[in-house]
Amino acid sequence: MPIVDLETDSSLEVCCNETTNSSSSKEHLIPPDSKEPSSSCSSSTSSGTMTSASQSSRIKYLSLGVLVVQTTSLVLTMRYSRTLQEEGPRYLSSTAVVCAEGLKILVCCLLVLKEHNFSLWGFQQLLKEEIVNKPLDTLKLAIPAGIYTLQNNLLYVALSNLDAATYQVTYQLKILTTALFSVSMLGRRLGLYQWLSLVILMAGVALVQWPADSPAEKLSAGSQFVGVLAVFIACVSSGFAGVYFEKILKHTKQSVWLRNIQLGVFSFVFGLFGMFLYDGARLVDDGMFQGFNTITYTVIFLQAVGGLVVAAVIKYADNILKGFAGSLSILASTVISFFWLGDFVPTSFFLVGALLVITATFLYGLERKPAPSPVKV
């Protein structure tokens, strides 16, 4: 089950946008026998429009804050938890992934129950009709669920070997992988700005990975390579799984929370399998919750609930706002990594590369407006 990102989780955005579009279209249906509003209602209509515009603006800025806080806090706390020196064994990333999936399932079940007025009978019937009675549709989600589970484990590997700032910039390669999979799997066509932004993005990431001159400013070659490789595989898997999930959502009317329950069940099973396969011996020696502390529980909470909060507000954020949120998150991670974590010293190559990545993020979000049709005289 995914960590909800700003660009990769287009499936959640598509689902939310479909709901928004359907509701807005219903609001604009006018019966044939209706009459045009009188001029006396024009003042109330204009004031209502201004109020609606101000509310929409506030919601957009709130969405921006949520996106920035969730993305930045998750990366920084995850990095801090993987580098914190304490007595005893460190917590296992595989158990953290499993716990996060379990928490996601619980929260999504509560949200679906809320949609059905907390009716247990209605919730049970919904699960039976949409999951049990449709096994083929449910099994389709096993593919993205397995990929998302791999991705979540890889992110722990990446942040164990890369500082938060370098990780944030490098992980923007998910824009490239998502775009390429969208072209190949969904038949989308990218404009000139989009292709140009992808070239700038690759150049920026390459500069960020440029070796530092001072040994104190870089990790060992082995850990740097492992971290970058983990981010690259996570970007590829995230791009494919996100586009695949979007393709599934286009042919379904289920709510995003029900789909996340289905994803969560598969991810939970795959996570358990991976946990016992790779960490079975340590589980027997020190237990599943070895090394857990307040920071660990915070990481699990942010990974589970934070992503669902983003899914709830992403429909209010346009492409420019999401690009702005990603840029602010990169800047915040850079500053906090330097002053608080103390594990990062920005080089000139990093600063130039980060600037190129931020530029590419904005450029990719630009939408080409269709040319106006000629007026017939």
Protein backbone atom coordinates (compact mmCIF):
# COMPACT_ATOMS: atom_id res chain seq x y z
CA MET A 1 0.00 0.00 0.00
CA PRO A 2 1.44 3.32 -1.01
CA ILE A 3 3.04 6.20 0.71
CA VAL A 4 0.95 8.87 -0.82
CA ASP A 5 3.09 11.19 -2.86
CA LEU A 6 2.48 14.38 -4.62
CA GLU A 7 2.85 13.11 -8.18
CA THR A 8 2.82 9.33 -8.09
CA ASP A 9 -0.53 8.78 -6.51
CA SER A 10 -2.47 10.03 -9.47
CA SER A 11 -4.92 7.21 -8.81
CA LEU A 12 -6.15 8.86 -5.66
CA GLU A 13 -6.34 12.19 -7.41
CA VAL A 14 -8.27 10.67 -10.32
CA CYS A 15 -10.76 9.09 -7.97
CA CYS A 16 -11.22 12.31 -6.04
CA ASN A 17 -11.49 14.36 -9.22
CA GLU A 18 -14.13 12.03 -10.63
CA THR A 19 -16.18 12.48 -7.48
CA THR A 20 -15.75 16.23 -7.61
CA ASN A 21 -16.62 16.44 -11.30
CA SER A 22 -19.70 14.28 -10.94
CA SER A 23 -21.02 16.35 -8.05
CA SER A 24 -20.31 19.62 -9.80
CA SER A 25 -22.05 18.44 -12.95
CA LYS A 26 -25.12 17.55 -10.94
CA GLU A 27 -25.14 20.98 -9.38
CA HIS A 28 -25.18 22.62 -12.80
CA LEU A 29 -28.09 20.66 -14.22
CA ILE A 30 -31.00 23.03 -14.88
CA PRO A 31 -34.51 21.68 -15.45
CA PRO A 32 -36.05 22.60 -18.80
CA ASP A 33 -38.91 24.52 -17.22
CA SER A 34 -36.70 26.58 -14.94
CA LYS A 35 -36.54 30.32 -15.41
CA GLU A 36 -33.55 32.56 -15.45
CA PRO A 37 -32.84 34.24 -12.12
CA SER A 38 -34.14 37.76 -11.81
CA SER A 39 -31.85 40.76 -11.52
CA SER A 40 -32.79 41.11 -7.86
CA CYS A 41 -30.83 37.94 -7.16
CA SER A 42 -27.67 39.17 -8.88
CA SER A 43 -26.24 40.84 -5.77
CA SER A 44 -26.79 37.77 -3.60
CA THR A 45 -25.33 35.58 -6.34
CA SER A 46 -22.19 37.75 -6.63
CA SER A 47 -21.69 37.81 -2.88
CA GLY A 48 -22.15 34.05 -2.74
CA THR A 49 -19.58 33.67 -5.52
CA MET A 50 -17.07 35.84 -3.62
CA THR A 51 -17.63 33.80 -0.46
CA SER A 52 -17.18 30.56 -2.36
CA ALA A 53 -13.99 31.87 -3.97
CA SER A 54 -12.53 32.90 -0.61
CA GLN A 55 -13.40 29.51 0.88
CA SER A 56 -11.79 27.76 -2.09
CA SER A 57 -8.66 29.88 -1.64
CA ARG A 58 -8.45 29.02 2.06
CA ILE A 59 -8.90 25.32 1.29
CA LYS A 60 -6.12 25.46 -1.30
CA TYR A 61 -3.67 27.08 1.12
CA LEU A 62 -4.67 24.55 3.80
CA SER A 63 -4.04 21.76 1.30
CA LEU A 64 -0.63 23.26 0.54
CA GLY A 65 0.24 23.25 4.24
CA VAL A 66 -0.91 19.66 4.69
CA LEU A 67 1.09 18.44 1.69
CA VAL A 68 4.27 20.19 2.82
CA VAL A 69 4.02 19.13 6.47
CA GLN A 70 3.20 15.50 5.69
CA THR A 71 5.92 15.04 3.07
CA THR A 72 8.64 16.82 5.04
CA SER A 73 7.85 15.39 8.46
CA LEU A 74 7.68 11.80 7.20
CA VAL A 75 11.06 11.96 5.46
CA LEU A 76 12.81 13.76 8.34
CA THR A 77 11.43 11.54 11.12
CA MET A 78 12.16 8.41 9.11
CA ARG A 79 15.75 9.56 8.54
CA TYR A 80 16.15 10.51 12.20
CA SER A 81 14.78 7.16 13.36
CA ARG A 82 17.25 5.26 11.14
CA THR A 83 20.29 7.22 12.36
CA LEU A 84 19.41 7.61 16.05
CA GLN A 85 22.00 5.94 18.27
CA GLU A 86 20.41 4.11 21.20
CA GLU A 87 21.20 1.11 23.33
CA GLY A 88 19.76 -2.19 22.18
CA PRO A 89 18.68 -3.31 18.72
CA ARG A 90 17.26 -0.85 16.19
CA TYR A 91 13.68 -1.37 15.07
CA LEU A 92 13.12 -3.48 11.98
CA SER A 93 11.87 -1.57 8.96
CA SER A 94 9.87 -4.61 7.85
CA THR A 95 7.84 -4.58 11.07
CA ALA A 96 7.25 -0.82 10.73
CA VAL A 97 5.84 -1.37 7.21
CA VAL A 98 3.50 -4.11 8.49
CA CYS A 99 2.29 -1.94 11.38
CA ALA A 100 1.66 0.98 9.03
CA GLU A 101 -0.41 -1.23 6.72
CA GLY A 102 -2.47 -2.50 9.63
CA LEU A 103 -3.13 1.05 10.80
CA LYS A 104 -4.14 2.09 7.27
CA ILE A 105 -6.65 -0.74 7.05
CA LEU A 106 -8.14 0.25 10.41
CA VAL A 107 -8.49 3.92 9.47
CA CYS A 108 -9.97 3.12 6.05
CA CYS A 109 -12.49 0.76 7.65
CA LEU A 110 -13.58 3.56 9.98
CA LEU A 111 -13.96 5.94 7.01
CA VAL A 112 -16.07 3.42 5.08
CA LEU A 113 -18.18 2.85 8.19
CA LYS A 114 -18.69 6.60 8.45
CA GLU A 115 -19.93 6.67 4.84
CA HIS A 116 -22.54 4.07 5.83
CA ASN A 117 -23.55 5.83 9.08
CA PHE A 118 -21.54 3.31 11.13
CA SER A 119 -23.82 0.45 10.10
CA LEU A 120 -21.94 -2.81 10.63
CA TRP A 121 -24.47 -4.67 8.53
CA GLY A 122 -24.08 -2.25 5.63
CA PHE A 123 -20.27 -2.42 5.95
CA GLN A 124 -20.37 -6.21 5.91
CA GLN A 125 -22.62 -6.26 2.84
CA LEU A 126 -20.33 -3.82 1.05
CA LEU A 127 -17.25 -5.96 1.70
CA LYS A 128 -19.12 -9.04 0.54
CA GLU A 129 -20.40 -7.45 -2.66
CA GLU A 130 -17.27 -5.57 -3.68
CA ILE A 131 -14.51 -7.88 -2.45
CA VAL A 132 -15.74 -11.43 -1.82
CA ASN A 133 -18.16 -11.59 -4.78
CA LYS A 134 -15.64 -9.98 -7.16
CA PRO A 135 -12.49 -12.07 -6.66
CA LEU A 136 -10.96 -11.25 -10.05
CA ASP A 137 -11.28 -7.50 -9.54
CA THR A 138 -9.84 -7.87 -6.06
CA LEU A 139 -6.89 -9.97 -7.24
CA LYS A 140 -5.94 -7.24 -9.73
CA LEU A 141 -4.85 -5.14 -6.77
CA ALA A 142 -2.35 -7.77 -5.64
CA ILE A 143 0.13 -6.47 -8.23
CA PRO A 144 0.29 -2.81 -7.08
CA ALA A 145 0.04 -3.93 -3.45
CA GLY A 146 3.15 -6.10 -3.79
CA ILE A 147 5.02 -3.31 -5.56
CA TYR A 148 3.99 -0.74 -2.95
CA THR A 149 5.19 -3.06 -0.18
CA LEU A 150 8.56 -3.36 -1.90
CA GLN A 151 8.66 0.41 -2.36
CA ASN A 152 7.95 1.16 1.30
CA ASN A 153 10.75 -1.15 2.41
CA LEU A 154 13.12 0.43 -0.11
CA LEU A 155 12.42 3.89 1.27
CA TYR A 156 13.71 2.77 4.67
CA VAL A 157 16.84 1.44 2.96
CA ALA A 158 17.29 4.72 1.09
CA LEU A 159 16.90 6.93 4.16
CA SER A 160 19.29 4.70 6.09
CA ASN A 161 21.99 5.56 3.56
CA LEU A 162 21.08 9.05 2.25
CA ASP A 163 20.42 12.30 4.05
CA ALA A 164 16.87 13.65 3.84
CA ALA A 165 17.72 16.48 1.43
CA THR A 166 19.48 14.26 -1.12
CA TYR A 167 16.68 11.72 -0.83
CA GLN A 168 13.97 14.34 -1.40
CA VAL A 169 15.61 15.66 -4.55
CA THR A 170 16.49 12.24 -5.97
CA TYR A 171 13.02 10.86 -5.29
CA GLN A 172 11.59 13.44 -7.69
CA LEU A 173 12.63 10.99 -10.41
CA LYS A 174 9.20 9.47 -9.79
CA ILE A 175 7.89 12.26 -12.03
CA LEU A 176 9.97 10.82 -14.87
CA THR A 177 8.96 7.19 -14.29
CA THR A 178 5.28 8.06 -13.86
CA ALA A 179 5.32 10.10 -17.08
CA LEU A 180 6.96 7.31 -19.07
CA PHE A 181 4.54 4.67 -17.76
CA SER A 182 1.61 6.99 -18.45
CA VAL A 183 2.71 7.31 -22.07
CA SER A 184 3.26 3.56 -22.53
CA MET A 185 0.34 2.18 -20.50
CA LEU A 186 -2.33 4.87 -20.77
CA GLY A 187 -1.44 6.30 -24.17
CA ARG A 188 -1.01 9.82 -22.87
CA ARG A 189 0.76 12.48 -24.87
CA LEU A 190 3.20 14.83 -23.23
CA GLY A 191 3.66 18.40 -24.40
CA LEU A 192 6.89 20.20 -25.09
CA TYR A 193 7.04 21.64 -21.56
CA GLN A 194 6.66 18.17 -20.06
CA TRP A 195 9.47 16.61 -22.13
CA LEU A 196 11.71 19.60 -21.43
CA SER A 197 11.02 19.34 -17.70
CA LEU A 198 11.98 15.64 -17.71
CA VAL A 199 15.36 16.47 -19.29
CA ILE A 200 15.95 19.23 -16.73
CA LEU A 201 14.90 16.84 -13.96
CA MET A 202 17.46 14.21 -14.97
CA ALA A 203 20.19 16.83 -15.18
CA GLY A 204 19.30 18.16 -11.72
CA VAL A 205 19.32 14.72 -10.09
CA ALA A 206 22.66 13.94 -11.74
CA LEU A 207 24.19 17.11 -10.28
CA VAL A 208 22.84 16.31 -6.81
CA GLN A 209 24.63 12.94 -6.94
CA TRP A 210 27.91 14.54 -8.02
CA PRO A 211 30.68 13.40 -5.63
CA ALA A 212 31.69 15.93 -2.97
CA ASP A 213 35.30 17.11 -2.80
CA SER A 214 35.56 16.87 0.97
CA PRO A 215 35.31 13.42 2.59
CA ALA A 216 33.42 14.98 5.49
CA GLU A 217 30.67 16.09 3.16
CA LYS A 218 29.81 12.69 1.78
CA LEU A 219 28.91 9.19 2.90
CA SER A 220 30.98 6.17 2.06
CA ALA A 221 30.79 5.11 -1.58
CA GLY A 222 29.01 1.88 -0.69
CA SER A 223 26.21 3.44 1.35
CA GLN A 224 25.75 6.24 -1.18
CA PHE A 225 25.38 3.69 -3.98
CA VAL A 226 22.94 1.55 -1.99
CA GLY A 227 20.81 4.58 -1.12
CA VAL A 228 20.65 5.91 -4.68
CA LEU A 229 19.91 2.44 -6.06
CA ALA A 230 17.08 2.00 -3.53
CA VAL A 231 15.57 5.37 -4.52
CA PHE A 232 15.82 4.53 -8.22
CA ILE A 233 14.07 1.17 -7.82
CA ALA A 234 11.44 2.82 -5.61
CA CYS A 235 10.80 5.47 -8.28
CA VAL A 236 10.37 2.85 -11.01
CA SER A 237 8.08 0.70 -8.87
CA SER A 238 6.12 3.74 -7.69
CA GLY A 239 5.59 5.00 -11.23
CA PHE A 240 4.39 1.63 -12.53
CA ALA A 241 2.14 0.88 -9.55
CA GLY A 242 0.60 4.38 -9.58
CA VAL A 243 -0.27 4.22 -13.29
CA TYR A 244 -1.53 0.64 -12.97
CA PHE A 245 -3.73 1.65 -10.04
CA GLU A 246 -5.05 4.62 -12.00
CA LYS A 247 -5.92 2.32 -14.89
CA ILE A 248 -7.92 0.13 -12.53
CA LEU A 249 -9.74 3.09 -10.98
CA LYS A 250 -10.90 4.30 -14.38
CA HIS A 251 -13.06 1.19 -14.69
CA THR A 252 -14.53 1.16 -11.20
CA LYS A 253 -16.96 3.19 -9.11
CA GLN A 254 -15.70 2.09 -5.72
CA SER A 255 -14.60 4.68 -3.20
CA VAL A 256 -10.92 5.36 -2.70
CA TRP A 257 -11.15 4.17 0.92
CA LEU A 258 -12.55 0.76 -0.12
CA ARG A 259 -9.80 0.39 -2.68
CA ASN A 260 -7.23 1.22 0.00
CA ILE A 261 -8.70 -1.52 2.21
CA GLN A 262 -8.19 -4.00 -0.62
CA LEU A 263 -4.66 -2.74 -1.20
CA GLY A 264 -3.95 -2.80 2.51
CA VAL A 265 -4.98 -6.43 2.96
CA PHE A 266 -2.65 -7.60 0.20
CA SER A 267 0.14 -5.30 1.39
CA PHE A 268 -0.25 -6.56 4.95
CA VAL A 269 0.08 -10.19 3.80
CA PHE A 270 3.08 -9.42 1.57
CA GLY A 271 4.65 -7.39 4.39
CA LEU A 272 4.30 -10.28 6.84
CA PHE A 273 5.84 -12.65 4.32
CA GLY A 274 8.82 -10.34 3.78
CA MET A 275 9.20 -9.73 7.51
CA PHE A 276 9.53 -13.42 8.34
CA LEU A 277 11.64 -14.12 5.24
CA TYR A 278 14.32 -11.47 5.86
CA ASP A 279 14.11 -10.83 9.61
CA GLY A 280 12.85 -14.16 10.92
CA ALA A 281 15.93 -14.87 13.03
CA ARG A 282 15.90 -11.43 14.69
CA LEU A 283 12.17 -11.73 15.31
CA VAL A 284 12.75 -14.95 17.20
CA ASP A 285 15.59 -13.41 19.25
CA ASP A 286 14.15 -10.00 20.18
CA GLY A 287 10.49 -9.99 19.11
CA MET A 288 8.51 -8.03 16.53
CA PHE A 289 8.54 -4.73 18.42
CA GLN A 290 12.26 -4.60 19.20
CA GLY A 291 13.71 -1.11 19.24
CA PHE A 292 10.32 0.60 19.08
CA ASN A 293 10.15 4.04 20.69
CA THR A 294 8.22 7.28 20.36
CA ILE A 295 10.00 8.20 17.11
CA THR A 296 9.19 4.80 15.62
CA TYR A 297 5.49 5.12 16.43
CA THR A 298 5.53 8.64 14.96
CA VAL A 299 7.00 7.33 11.70
CA ILE A 300 4.34 4.60 11.51
CA PHE A 301 1.56 7.10 12.20
CA LEU A 302 2.83 9.56 9.57
CA GLN A 303 3.28 6.81 7.01
CA ALA A 304 -0.22 5.41 7.55
CA VAL A 305 -2.52 8.29 8.46
CA GLY A 306 -0.54 11.07 6.79
CA GLY A 307 -0.92 9.52 3.37
CA LEU A 308 -4.68 9.18 3.81
CA VAL A 309 -4.93 12.83 4.84
CA VAL A 310 -3.13 13.81 1.63
CA ALA A 311 -5.54 11.64 -0.33
CA ALA A 312 -8.40 13.59 1.20
CA VAL A 313 -7.03 17.04 0.30
CA ILE A 314 -5.25 16.29 -2.99
CA LYS A 315 -8.40 17.08 -5.02
CA TYR A 316 -8.13 20.72 -3.89
CA ALA A 317 -4.54 21.07 -5.14
CA ASP A 318 -3.86 21.84 -8.79
CA ASN A 319 -0.58 20.98 -10.54
CA ILE A 320 1.06 24.31 -9.72
CA LEU A 321 0.13 23.99 -6.04
CA LYS A 322 1.49 20.45 -5.88
CA GLY A 323 4.72 21.60 -7.52
CA PHE A 324 4.97 24.45 -5.02
CA ALA A 325 4.42 21.97 -2.16
CA GLY A 326 7.16 19.70 -3.49
CA SER A 327 9.57 22.61 -3.77
CA LEU A 328 8.84 23.81 -0.23
CA SER A 329 9.33 20.28 1.04
CA ILE A 330 12.75 20.06 -0.62
CA LEU A 331 13.80 23.42 0.85
CA ALA A 332 12.50 22.48 4.32
CA SER A 333 14.30 19.12 4.25
CA THR A 334 17.54 20.82 3.20
CA VAL A 335 17.42 23.43 5.95
CA ILE A 336 16.38 21.01 8.72
CA SER A 337 18.93 18.38 7.64
CA PHE A 338 21.68 20.99 7.87
CA PHE A 339 20.69 22.68 11.15
CA TRP A 340 18.92 19.91 13.09
CA LEU A 341 20.08 16.50 11.91
CA GLY A 342 23.57 17.75 11.12
CA ASP A 343 24.16 15.02 8.54
CA PHE A 344 24.17 17.20 5.43
CA VAL A 345 26.41 19.95 4.07
CA PRO A 346 25.09 21.38 0.79
CA THR A 347 27.59 21.70 -2.06
CA SER A 348 27.40 23.99 -5.06
CA PHE A 349 26.49 20.99 -7.22
CA PHE A 350 23.62 20.12 -4.87
CA LEU A 351 22.26 23.67 -4.85
CA VAL A 352 22.30 23.93 -8.64
CA GLY A 353 20.82 20.45 -9.01
CA ALA A 354 18.07 21.14 -6.48
CA LEU A 355 17.21 24.38 -8.29
CA LEU A 356 16.92 22.48 -11.59
CA VAL A 357 14.69 19.83 -9.98
CA ILE A 358 12.41 22.48 -8.48
CA THR A 359 12.22 24.22 -11.87
CA ALA A 360 11.40 20.92 -13.58
CA THR A 361 8.64 20.23 -11.04
CA PHE A 362 6.96 23.57 -11.82
CA LEU A 363 7.49 23.21 -15.55
CA TYR A 364 5.95 19.75 -15.64
CA GLY A 365 2.80 21.09 -13.95
CA LEU A 366 2.21 23.73 -16.60
CA GLU A 367 -0.81 22.90 -18.71
CA ARG A 368 -1.04 23.97 -22.30
CA LYS A 369 -4.24 25.86 -22.93
CA PRO A 370 -6.00 24.89 -26.15
CA ALA A 371 -5.95 27.50 -28.86
CA PRO A 372 -9.26 29.34 -29.26
CA SER A 373 -11.42 28.06 -32.12
CA PRO A 374 -11.87 30.48 -35.03
CA VAL A 375 -15.09 32.47 -35.01
CA LYS A 376 -17.27 31.95 -38.00
CA VAL A 377 -18.66 35.15 -39.52
